[in-house]
Structures are given as C-alpha cells and as structure tokens.
C-alpha cells in the first residue's frame, strides 16, 4: 500500500531499474537480460545458489555447503559432488543471465565459494539498503522520507524468503534472520505512517498483519490505537477483546501493559493521545 505521491515516485524508480539478476525475497529466481526468469534445476543446485546468495560476498566453506545439502548424513563423495553442483550452477547462470553478466558471479576460493554480485543484482541487498535508509530517516524525524524508503524496500518482497527452496538447518537460520528484517521494516513503516496521521489508511493493512501473526501484541496494539484515533472506539474495544481471547487461549497470558493502557484510554472516553 502506497500512501503518498512521493512514495509512488520512489517505487516507480525502483521498478525502472534493470531487472535484478537474483531474487530470494520470495521464490528463488535468476533473471537474465530481457527479464527472462530462470529457476535452478534440481533441489541441491537450488540450495547451493540460495546459500551463496544469503551470504553474498562472503566465503561459504565447503563444509558448510555439505552440511546444508546433506545435513548429518553426507555421502563419501560429498566434496566432489559439491564441485559438480557448482559447475552445473555456473552453466545455468551463464545460460540464464548471459555470459557477460554471469562471468565471475561464483568465485572459487581456497576454502569454498563466494557469490560476487554487482550493485542492484541481488534483491536482498537492495532491500537492506532501502531498509537502512528508511530507518535512518525515521530516527532523524523525517517520517515522509522514511515511509518512501521503507515502502520501496517492502515492495521488493514476493513472498516468504526462498519460498520454494527446501531449507536445511543452515539455510533456515539465514531465512529466519531475513524474515525478522522484514518484520522490523514493517514495524518502522507503520510507525512512520502513524506519525504522519495515516491511521485510517493503516487499518486494513494492520488487520491483515494481525491475521497472519495473531500472537504479535505490538501489531494488535497498533491496530487498536489506529482504530481509536479514527474515532472508532467500539471497533477498538472489540479488537482488544479479540487479542485478549487469543492470548488466553493460545498462551494462557494476559494482554501486555501497552494493550491494557490502550484499553484504559478507550474506556476513559478521552481522545487518543
């Protein structure tokens, strides 16, 4: 959801850039010239590319690759098989991206391999850059600029991180870290939008977010607060009772102090602070 004209212009600029060569914020994809999309053939080749991508520019040791590909039961030929998978992956990237783009993308190092992406080639790096800019703008009190950058960052997501890749222990840990960054970007974006008084615009999105993450008390509190600030006291109270019932049923817990404070403010009958 875009809230301002400036936000729309920012998103248009992001879309106008050359197609990303590698996408992991959703299904794993390689995108070549002309926008042709390629998905790695074979689950292990896909895992290999995914792990190199989440650790782009770092050296991923062969032992780490073996652990991800075979967990606790690697075959005796695991190291040589990793080399074979890297060979096939290089061939696939060469066909998908074109030799000029793919050349040198996967570098062989003394202890393993490294993905060397050019600026703008990996969606995770673009997200991280925009997220960092948005966070800095919000800390500086520039809410509208923060909203622009965070909106553009979240617009890069196409689904759950590496949604179509069967993840082992190593890859799952990295995917969880990336998902946490997405959640934090959503939170900062909501803070920026509420600071700009966009409470009505936020209500539908907040309802969707609490439906996906019903135990997230912070999101519930923002929904209740947004409803209250819109003058919808009855809806705000119902939202409080909903989260209280969910917490009691699922966790046996009472609402947080933040939620209880919001309930008190609503019942007190005064305007939202």
C-alpha atoms as a PDB file:
ATOM      1  CA  UNK A   1       0.000   0.000   0.000  1.00  0.00           C
ATOM      2  CA  UNK A   2       1.423   3.402  -1.037  1.00  0.00           C
ATOM      3  CA  UNK A   3       0.429   6.459   0.915  1.00  0.00           C
ATOM      4  CA  UNK A   4       1.990   9.459  -0.844  1.00  0.00           C
ATOM      5  CA  UNK A   5       2.823  10.677  -4.318  1.00  0.00           C
ATOM      6  CA  UNK A   6       6.473  10.773  -3.331  1.00  0.00           C
ATOM      7  CA  UNK A   7       6.217   7.126  -2.316  1.00  0.00           C
ATOM      8  CA  UNK A   8       4.766   6.265  -5.727  1.00  0.00           C
ATOM      9  CA  UNK A   9       7.627   8.088  -7.445  1.00  0.00           C
ATOM     10  CA  UNK A  10      10.176   6.180  -5.345  1.00  0.00           C
ATOM     11  CA  UNK A  11       8.560   2.840  -6.140  1.00  0.00           C
ATOM     12  CA  UNK A  12       8.473   3.740  -9.852  1.00  0.00           C
ATOM     13  CA  UNK A  13      12.193   4.482  -9.773  1.00  0.00           C
ATOM     14  CA  UNK A  14      12.887   1.129  -8.133  1.00  0.00           C
ATOM     15  CA  UNK A  15      10.846  -0.697 -10.781  1.00  0.00           C
ATOM     16  CA  UNK A  16      12.552   1.257 -13.564  1.00  0.00           C
ATOM     17  CA  UNK A  17      15.977  -0.123 -12.681  1.00  0.00           C
ATOM     18  CA  UNK A  18      17.412  -3.027 -14.691  1.00  0.00           C
ATOM     19  CA  UNK A  19      15.930  -6.404 -13.756  1.00  0.00           C
ATOM     20  CA  UNK A  20      17.501  -7.995 -10.710  1.00  0.00           C
ATOM     21  CA  UNK A  21      19.713 -10.907 -11.597  1.00  0.00           C
ATOM     22  CA  UNK A  22      18.984 -12.862  -8.415  1.00  0.00           C
ATOM     23  CA  UNK A  23      15.823 -12.824  -6.305  1.00  0.00           C
ATOM     24  CA  UNK A  24      15.455 -14.598  -2.970  1.00  0.00           C
ATOM     25  CA  UNK A  25      12.729 -12.486  -1.316  1.00  0.00           C
ATOM     26  CA  UNK A  26      10.123 -14.987  -2.418  1.00  0.00           C
ATOM     27  CA  UNK A  27      10.716 -17.932  -4.769  1.00  0.00           C
ATOM     28  CA  UNK A  28      14.353 -18.310  -5.844  1.00  0.00           C
ATOM     29  CA  UNK A  29      14.842 -16.826  -9.306  1.00  0.00           C
ATOM     30  CA  UNK A  30      17.604 -15.770 -11.651  1.00  0.00           C
ATOM     31  CA  UNK A  31      16.624 -13.059 -14.115  1.00  0.00           C
ATOM     32  CA  UNK A  32      18.538 -12.510 -17.326  1.00  0.00           C
ATOM     33  CA  UNK A  33      18.549  -9.836 -19.971  1.00  0.00           C
ATOM     34  CA  UNK A  34      15.083  -9.161 -21.290  1.00  0.00           C
ATOM     35  CA  UNK A  35      13.526 -10.169 -17.979  1.00  0.00           C
ATOM     36  CA  UNK A  36      13.562 -13.908 -18.693  1.00  0.00           C
ATOM     37  CA  UNK A  37      13.203 -15.837 -15.436  1.00  0.00           C
ATOM     38  CA  UNK A  38      15.128 -18.985 -14.623  1.00  0.00           C
ATOM     39  CA  UNK A  39      14.739 -21.297 -11.618  1.00  0.00           C
ATOM     40  CA  UNK A  40      17.625 -23.656 -10.789  1.00  0.00           C
ATOM     41  CA  UNK A  41      17.156 -27.245 -11.814  1.00  0.00           C
ATOM     42  CA  UNK A  42      17.355 -29.750  -9.025  1.00  0.00           C
ATOM     43  CA  UNK A  43      16.862 -29.145  -5.293  1.00  0.00           C
ATOM     44  CA  UNK A  44      20.547 -29.289  -4.373  1.00  0.00           C
ATOM     45  CA  UNK A  45      21.592 -26.800  -7.047  1.00  0.00           C
ATOM     46  CA  UNK A  46      18.831 -24.504  -5.807  1.00  0.00           C
ATOM     47  CA  UNK A  47      20.007 -24.875  -2.198  1.00  0.00           C
ATOM     48  CA  UNK A  48      23.564 -24.133  -3.265  1.00  0.00           C
ATOM     49  CA  UNK A  49      22.582 -20.915  -5.020  1.00  0.00           C
ATOM     50  CA  UNK A  50      20.328 -19.906  -2.121  1.00  0.00           C
ATOM     51  CA  UNK A  51      23.058 -20.335   0.479  1.00  0.00           C
ATOM     52  CA  UNK A  52      25.584 -18.428  -1.607  1.00  0.00           C
ATOM     53  CA  UNK A  53      23.011 -15.655  -2.101  1.00  0.00           C
ATOM     54  CA  UNK A  54      22.111 -15.166   1.574  1.00  0.00           C
ATOM     55  CA  UNK A  55      25.856 -14.889   2.266  1.00  0.00           C
ATOM     56  CA  UNK A  56      26.717 -12.872  -0.821  1.00  0.00           C
ATOM     57  CA  UNK A  57      30.327 -11.608  -0.886  1.00  0.00           C
ATOM     58  CA  UNK A  58      31.292 -13.935   1.987  1.00  0.00           C
ATOM     59  CA  UNK A  59      33.222 -17.168   1.521  1.00  0.00           C
ATOM     60  CA  UNK A  60      30.912 -20.112   2.142  1.00  0.00           C
ATOM     61  CA  UNK A  61      33.102 -23.017   3.197  1.00  0.00           C
ATOM     62  CA  UNK A  62      32.679 -26.370   1.509  1.00  0.00           C
ATOM     63  CA  UNK A  63      31.929 -27.950   4.892  1.00  0.00           C
ATOM     64  CA  UNK A  64      29.002 -25.551   5.339  1.00  0.00           C
ATOM     65  CA  UNK A  65      27.683 -26.417   1.896  1.00  0.00           C
ATOM     66  CA  UNK A  66      27.958 -30.126   2.664  1.00  0.00           C
ATOM     67  CA  UNK A  67      26.075 -29.645   5.930  1.00  0.00           C
ATOM     68  CA  UNK A  68      23.254 -27.792   4.193  1.00  0.00           C
ATOM     69  CA  UNK A  69      22.961 -30.220   1.304  1.00  0.00           C
ATOM     70  CA  UNK A  70      23.104 -33.469   3.290  1.00  0.00           C
ATOM     71  CA  UNK A  71      22.518 -32.494   6.929  1.00  0.00           C
ATOM     72  CA  UNK A  72      24.077 -35.169   9.184  1.00  0.00           C
ATOM     73  CA  UNK A  73      24.478 -37.914   6.569  1.00  0.00           C
ATOM     74  CA  UNK A  74      26.768 -36.720   3.751  1.00  0.00           C
ATOM     75  CA  UNK A  75      27.980 -39.354   1.272  1.00  0.00           C
ATOM     76  CA  UNK A  76      31.709 -40.126   0.964  1.00  0.00           C
ATOM     77  CA  UNK A  77      31.713 -38.218  -2.329  1.00  0.00           C
ATOM     78  CA  UNK A  78      30.118 -35.089  -0.823  1.00  0.00           C
ATOM     79  CA  UNK A  79      33.008 -32.692  -1.527  1.00  0.00           C
ATOM     80  CA  UNK A  80      33.389 -33.746  -5.147  1.00  0.00           C
ATOM     81  CA  UNK A  81      29.618 -33.655  -5.598  1.00  0.00           C
ATOM     82  CA  UNK A  82      29.561 -30.060  -4.324  1.00  0.00           C
ATOM     83  CA  UNK A  83      32.095 -29.192  -7.014  1.00  0.00           C
ATOM     84  CA  UNK A  84      29.859 -30.834  -9.609  1.00  0.00           C
ATOM     85  CA  UNK A  85      26.841 -28.874  -8.404  1.00  0.00           C
ATOM     86  CA  UNK A  86      28.833 -25.633  -8.595  1.00  0.00           C
ATOM     87  CA  UNK A  87      29.839 -26.495 -12.160  1.00  0.00           C
ATOM     88  CA  UNK A  88      26.206 -27.083 -13.157  1.00  0.00           C
ATOM     89  CA  UNK A  89      25.097 -23.917 -11.375  1.00  0.00           C
ATOM     90  CA  UNK A  90      27.648 -21.849 -13.255  1.00  0.00           C
ATOM     91  CA  UNK A  91      26.396 -23.296 -16.518  1.00  0.00           C
ATOM     92  CA  UNK A  92      22.805 -22.498 -15.618  1.00  0.00           C
ATOM     93  CA  UNK A  93      23.619 -18.920 -14.635  1.00  0.00           C
ATOM     94  CA  UNK A  94      25.579 -18.466 -17.838  1.00  0.00           C
ATOM     95  CA  UNK A  95      22.544 -19.540 -19.863  1.00  0.00           C
ATOM     96  CA  UNK A  96      20.047 -17.578 -17.755  1.00  0.00           C
ATOM     97  CA  UNK A  97      21.887 -14.301 -17.273  1.00  0.00           C
ATOM     98  CA  UNK A  98      24.142 -14.290 -20.302  1.00  0.00           C
ATOM     99  CA  UNK A  99      27.905 -14.832 -20.229  1.00  0.00           C
ATOM    100  CA  UNK A 100      28.733 -11.161 -19.718  1.00  0.00           C
ATOM    101  CA  UNK A 101      26.646 -10.980 -16.524  1.00  0.00           C
ATOM    102  CA  UNK A 102      27.330 -14.455 -15.164  1.00  0.00           C
ATOM    103  CA  UNK A 103      31.095 -14.442 -15.634  1.00  0.00           C
ATOM    104  CA  UNK A 104      32.764 -14.379 -12.217  1.00  0.00           C
ATOM    105  CA  UNK A 105      29.496 -14.363 -10.258  1.00  0.00           C
ATOM    106  CA  UNK A 106      30.537 -17.513  -8.389  1.00  0.00           C
ATOM    107  CA  UNK A 107      34.184 -17.260  -7.351  1.00  0.00           C
ATOM    108  CA  UNK A 108      36.250 -20.239  -6.233  1.00  0.00           C
ATOM    109  CA  UNK A 109      38.126 -19.537  -3.018  1.00  0.00           C
ATOM    110  CA  UNK A 110      40.702 -21.539  -1.064  1.00  0.00           C
ATOM    111  CA  UNK A 111      38.120 -22.968   1.357  1.00  0.00           C
ATOM    112  CA  UNK A 112      34.882 -22.679  -0.573  1.00  0.00           C
ATOM    113  CA  UNK A 113      32.894 -20.427  -2.899  1.00  0.00           C
ATOM    114  CA  UNK A 114      31.606 -16.868  -2.913  1.00  0.00           C
ATOM    115  CA  UNK A 115      28.797 -15.137  -4.787  1.00  0.00           C
ATOM    116  CA  UNK A 116      30.080 -11.844  -6.186  1.00  0.00           C
ATOM    117  CA  UNK A 117      27.050  -9.744  -7.092  1.00  0.00           C
ATOM    118  CA  UNK A 118      27.176  -6.366  -8.796  1.00  0.00           C
ATOM    119  CA  UNK A 119      25.210  -3.452  -7.281  1.00  0.00           C
ATOM    120  CA  UNK A 120      21.488  -3.934  -7.903  1.00  0.00           C
ATOM    121  CA  UNK A 121      21.871  -7.604  -8.790  1.00  0.00           C
ATOM    122  CA  UNK A 122      20.525  -9.150  -5.563  1.00  0.00           C
ATOM    123  CA  UNK A 123      17.134  -8.143  -4.178  1.00  0.00           C
ATOM    124  CA  UNK A 124      18.216  -8.823  -0.587  1.00  0.00           C
ATOM    125  CA  UNK A 125      20.983  -6.226  -0.872  1.00  0.00           C
ATOM    126  CA  UNK A 126      18.546  -3.700  -2.364  1.00  0.00           C
ATOM    127  CA  UNK A 127      16.095  -4.360   0.455  1.00  0.00           C
ATOM    128  CA  UNK A 128      18.803  -3.985   3.095  1.00  0.00           C
ATOM    129  CA  UNK A 129      19.957  -0.692   1.581  1.00  0.00           C
ATOM    130  CA  UNK A 130      16.452   0.784   1.429  1.00  0.00           C
ATOM    131  CA  UNK A 131      15.603  -0.522   4.908  1.00  0.00           C
ATOM    132  CA  UNK A 132      18.735   1.115   6.338  1.00  0.00           C
ATOM    133  CA  UNK A 133      17.899   4.408   4.650  1.00  0.00           C
ATOM    134  CA  UNK A 134      14.333   4.299   5.940  1.00  0.00           C
ATOM    135  CA  UNK A 135      15.454   3.552   9.481  1.00  0.00           C
ATOM    136  CA  UNK A 136      17.934   6.430   9.410  1.00  0.00           C
ATOM    137  CA  UNK A 137      15.312   8.853   8.067  1.00  0.00           C
ATOM    138  CA  UNK A 138      12.850   7.849  10.783  1.00  0.00           C
ATOM    139  CA  UNK A 139      15.465   8.320  13.505  1.00  0.00           C
ATOM    140  CA  UNK A 140      16.135  11.794  12.093  1.00  0.00           C
ATOM    141  CA  UNK A 141      12.436  12.624  12.315  1.00  0.00           C
ATOM    142  CA  UNK A 142      11.874  12.623   8.545  1.00  0.00           C
ATOM    143  CA  UNK A 143       8.743  10.495   8.550  1.00  0.00           C
ATOM    144  CA  UNK A 144       7.643  11.008   4.954  1.00  0.00           C
ATOM    145  CA  UNK A 145      11.062  10.166   3.543  1.00  0.00           C
ATOM    146  CA  UNK A 146      11.252   7.179   5.879  1.00  0.00           C
ATOM    147  CA  UNK A 147       7.892   5.962   4.597  1.00  0.00           C
ATOM    148  CA  UNK A 148       9.071   6.287   0.996  1.00  0.00           C
ATOM    149  CA  UNK A 149      12.179   4.193   1.536  1.00  0.00           C
ATOM    150  CA  UNK A 150      10.516   1.530   3.696  1.00  0.00           C
ATOM    151  CA  UNK A 151       7.605   1.240   1.269  1.00  0.00           C
ATOM    152  CA  UNK A 152      10.048   0.710  -1.590  1.00  0.00           C
ATOM    153  CA  UNK A 153      12.005  -1.853   0.470  1.00  0.00           C
ATOM    154  CA  UNK A 154       8.923  -3.906   1.313  1.00  0.00           C
ATOM    155  CA  UNK A 155       7.759  -3.691  -2.295  1.00  0.00           C
ATOM    156  CA  UNK A 156      10.667  -5.928  -3.290  1.00  0.00           C
ATOM    157  CA  UNK A 157       9.161  -8.916  -1.464  1.00  0.00           C
ATOM    158  CA  UNK A 158       7.223 -11.505  -3.485  1.00  0.00           C
ATOM    159  CA  UNK A 159       6.503 -13.924  -0.636  1.00  0.00           C
ATOM    160  CA  UNK A 160       8.335 -15.797   2.100  1.00  0.00           C
ATOM    161  CA  UNK A 161      12.140 -15.875   1.842  1.00  0.00           C
ATOM    162  CA  UNK A 162      13.215 -18.656  -0.544  1.00  0.00           C
ATOM    163  CA  UNK A 163       9.641 -19.918  -0.547  1.00  0.00           C
ATOM    164  CA  UNK A 164      10.276 -22.756  -3.000  1.00  0.00           C
ATOM    165  CA  UNK A 165      13.589 -23.998  -1.562  1.00  0.00           C
ATOM    166  CA  UNK A 166      13.651 -26.953   0.861  1.00  0.00           C
ATOM    167  CA  UNK A 167      15.807 -25.485   3.620  1.00  0.00           C
ATOM    168  CA  UNK A 168      18.232 -27.338   5.832  1.00  0.00           C
ATOM    169  CA  UNK A 169      19.403 -26.101   9.211  1.00  0.00           C
ATOM    170  CA  UNK A 170      21.949 -23.600   7.896  1.00  0.00           C
ATOM    171  CA  UNK A 171      19.723 -22.051   5.258  1.00  0.00           C
ATOM    172  CA  UNK A 172      16.697 -21.962   7.557  1.00  0.00           C
ATOM    173  CA  UNK A 173      18.678 -19.907  10.069  1.00  0.00           C
ATOM    174  CA  UNK A 174      19.581 -17.321   7.448  1.00  0.00           C
ATOM    175  CA  UNK A 175      15.997 -17.229   6.116  1.00  0.00           C
ATOM    176  CA  UNK A 176      14.683 -16.614   9.649  1.00  0.00           C
ATOM    177  CA  UNK A 177      17.098 -13.692  10.066  1.00  0.00           C
ATOM    178  CA  UNK A 178      15.931 -12.149   6.787  1.00  0.00           C
ATOM    179  CA  UNK A 179      12.281 -12.582   7.756  1.00  0.00           C
ATOM    180  CA  UNK A 180      12.989 -10.755  11.009  1.00  0.00           C
ATOM    181  CA  UNK A 181      14.352  -7.823   8.998  1.00  0.00           C
ATOM    182  CA  UNK A 182      11.122  -7.797   7.001  1.00  0.00           C
ATOM    183  CA  UNK A 183       9.063  -7.699  10.193  1.00  0.00           C
ATOM    184  CA  UNK A 184      11.172  -4.851  11.550  1.00  0.00           C
ATOM    185  CA  UNK A 185      10.803  -2.912   8.289  1.00  0.00           C
ATOM    186  CA  UNK A 186       7.021  -3.347   8.538  1.00  0.00           C
ATOM    187  CA  UNK A 187       7.066  -2.049  12.104  1.00  0.00           C
ATOM    188  CA  UNK A 188       9.126   1.014  11.208  1.00  0.00           C
ATOM    189  CA  UNK A 189       6.872   1.727   8.240  1.00  0.00           C
ATOM    190  CA  UNK A 190       3.799   1.567  10.482  1.00  0.00           C
ATOM    191  CA  UNK A 191       5.496   3.939  12.955  1.00  0.00           C
ATOM    192  CA  UNK A 192       6.252   6.390  10.151  1.00  0.00           C
ATOM    193  CA  UNK A 193       2.709   6.232   8.763  1.00  0.00           C
ATOM    194  CA  UNK A 194       1.108   6.713  12.176  1.00  0.00           C
ATOM    195  CA  UNK A 195       3.404   9.642  12.841  1.00  0.00           C
ATOM    196  CA  UNK A 196       2.028  11.203   9.654  1.00  0.00           C
ATOM    197  CA  UNK A 197      -1.539  10.715  10.853  1.00  0.00           C
ATOM    198  CA  UNK A 198      -2.397   7.998   8.320  1.00  0.00           C
ATOM    199  CA  UNK A 199      -4.398   5.952  10.799  1.00  0.00           C
ATOM    200  CA  UNK A 200      -7.378   5.280   8.542  1.00  0.00           C
ATOM    201  CA  UNK A 201      -5.129   4.121   5.727  1.00  0.00           C
ATOM    202  CA  UNK A 202      -3.331   1.726   8.076  1.00  0.00           C
ATOM    203  CA  UNK A 203      -6.377  -0.079   9.469  1.00  0.00           C
ATOM    204  CA  UNK A 204      -6.897  -2.562   6.572  1.00  0.00           C
ATOM    205  CA  UNK A 205      -3.198  -3.431   6.456  1.00  0.00           C
ATOM    206  CA  UNK A 206      -2.984  -3.871  10.230  1.00  0.00           C
ATOM    207  CA  UNK A 207      -5.982  -6.200  10.159  1.00  0.00           C
ATOM    208  CA  UNK A 208      -4.226  -8.300   7.539  1.00  0.00           C
ATOM    209  CA  UNK A 209      -0.995  -8.372   9.525  1.00  0.00           C
ATOM    210  CA  UNK A 210      -2.617  -9.477  12.782  1.00  0.00           C
ATOM    211  CA  UNK A 211      -4.482 -12.189  10.887  1.00  0.00           C
ATOM    212  CA  UNK A 212      -1.135 -13.557   9.682  1.00  0.00           C
ATOM    213  CA  UNK A 213       0.615 -13.082  13.059  1.00  0.00           C
ATOM    214  CA  UNK A 214      -2.161 -13.300  15.693  1.00  0.00           C
ATOM    215  CA  UNK A 215       0.235 -13.514  18.669  1.00  0.00           C
ATOM    216  CA  UNK A 216       2.089 -10.304  17.829  1.00  0.00           C
ATOM    217  CA  UNK A 217       0.915  -7.936  20.573  1.00  0.00           C
ATOM    218  CA  UNK A 218       2.734  -4.946  19.053  1.00  0.00           C
ATOM    219  CA  UNK A 219       0.682  -5.245  15.859  1.00  0.00           C
ATOM    220  CA  UNK A 220      -2.555  -5.652  17.810  1.00  0.00           C
ATOM    221  CA  UNK A 221      -1.710  -2.540  19.830  1.00  0.00           C
ATOM    222  CA  UNK A 222      -1.129  -0.514  16.677  1.00  0.00           C
ATOM    223  CA  UNK A 223      -4.444  -1.694  15.231  1.00  0.00           C
ATOM    224  CA  UNK A 224      -6.307  -0.753  18.421  1.00  0.00           C
ATOM    225  CA  UNK A 225      -4.542   2.611  18.523  1.00  0.00           C
ATOM    226  CA  UNK A 226      -5.299   3.310  14.847  1.00  0.00           C
ATOM    227  CA  UNK A 227      -8.991   2.462  15.309  1.00  0.00           C
ATOM    228  CA  UNK A 228      -9.189   4.677  18.400  1.00  0.00           C
ATOM    229  CA  UNK A 229      -7.542   7.596  16.602  1.00  0.00           C
ATOM    230  CA  UNK A 230     -10.095   7.200  13.796  1.00  0.00           C
ATOM    231  CA  UNK A 231     -12.895   7.678  16.311  1.00  0.00           C
ATOM    232  CA  UNK A 232     -13.920   4.007  16.108  1.00  0.00           C
ATOM    233  CA  UNK A 233     -13.978   3.321  19.847  1.00  0.00           C
ATOM    234  CA  UNK A 234     -16.289   0.310  19.591  1.00  0.00           C
ATOM    235  CA  UNK A 235     -14.129  -1.353  16.958  1.00  0.00           C
ATOM    236  CA  UNK A 236     -11.025  -0.583  19.013  1.00  0.00           C
ATOM    237  CA  UNK A 237     -12.520  -2.266  22.087  1.00  0.00           C
ATOM    238  CA  UNK A 238     -13.574  -5.291  20.040  1.00  0.00           C
ATOM    239  CA  UNK A 239     -10.021  -5.552  18.711  1.00  0.00           C
ATOM    240  CA  UNK A 240      -8.745  -5.513  22.314  1.00  0.00           C
ATOM    241  CA  UNK A 241     -11.136  -8.260  23.388  1.00  0.00           C
ATOM    242  CA  UNK A 242     -10.135 -10.301  20.331  1.00  0.00           C
ATOM    243  CA  UNK A 243      -6.429 -10.230  21.185  1.00  0.00           C
ATOM    244  CA  UNK A 244      -7.142 -10.882  24.858  1.00  0.00           C
ATOM    245  CA  UNK A 245      -9.083 -14.036  23.907  1.00  0.00           C
ATOM    246  CA  UNK A 246      -6.330 -15.212  21.543  1.00  0.00           C
ATOM    247  CA  UNK A 247      -3.594 -14.743  24.142  1.00  0.00           C
ATOM    248  CA  UNK A 248      -5.597 -16.544  26.821  1.00  0.00           C
ATOM    249  CA  UNK A 249      -6.489 -19.467  24.564  1.00  0.00           C
ATOM    250  CA  UNK A 250      -3.125 -19.929  22.851  1.00  0.00           C
ATOM    251  CA  UNK A 251      -0.662 -18.957  25.586  1.00  0.00           C
ATOM    252  CA  UNK A 252      -2.559 -18.598  28.832  1.00  0.00           C
ATOM    253  CA  UNK A 253      -1.396 -14.981  29.087  1.00  0.00           C
ATOM    254  CA  UNK A 254      -2.982 -11.646  29.877  1.00  0.00           C
ATOM    255  CA  UNK A 255      -2.534  -8.697  27.476  1.00  0.00           C
ATOM    256  CA  UNK A 256       0.640  -6.630  27.769  1.00  0.00           C
ATOM    257  CA  UNK A 257       0.827  -3.347  29.654  1.00  0.00           C
ATOM    258  CA  UNK A 258       0.726  -1.496  26.315  1.00  0.00           C
ATOM    259  CA  UNK A 259      -2.547  -3.187  25.352  1.00  0.00           C
ATOM    260  CA  UNK A 260      -4.079  -2.603  28.799  1.00  0.00           C
ATOM    261  CA  UNK A 261      -3.124   1.075  28.661  1.00  0.00           C
ATOM    262  CA  UNK A 262      -4.882   1.417  25.315  1.00  0.00           C
ATOM    263  CA  UNK A 263      -7.992  -0.252  26.717  1.00  0.00           C
ATOM    264  CA  UNK A 264      -7.954   2.172  29.665  1.00  0.00           C
ATOM    265  CA  UNK A 265      -7.641   5.174  27.339  1.00  0.00           C
ATOM    266  CA  UNK A 266     -10.603   3.999  25.257  1.00  0.00           C
ATOM    267  CA  UNK A 267     -12.814   3.337  28.268  1.00  0.00           C
ATOM    268  CA  UNK A 268     -11.837   6.690  29.790  1.00  0.00           C
ATOM    269  CA  UNK A 269     -13.597   8.273  26.846  1.00  0.00           C
ATOM    270  CA  UNK A 270     -10.938  10.805  26.006  1.00  0.00           C
ATOM    271  CA  UNK A 271      -9.309  11.334  22.600  1.00  0.00           C
ATOM    272  CA  UNK A 272      -6.341   9.193  21.668  1.00  0.00           C
ATOM    273  CA  UNK A 273      -3.058  10.659  22.891  1.00  0.00           C
END
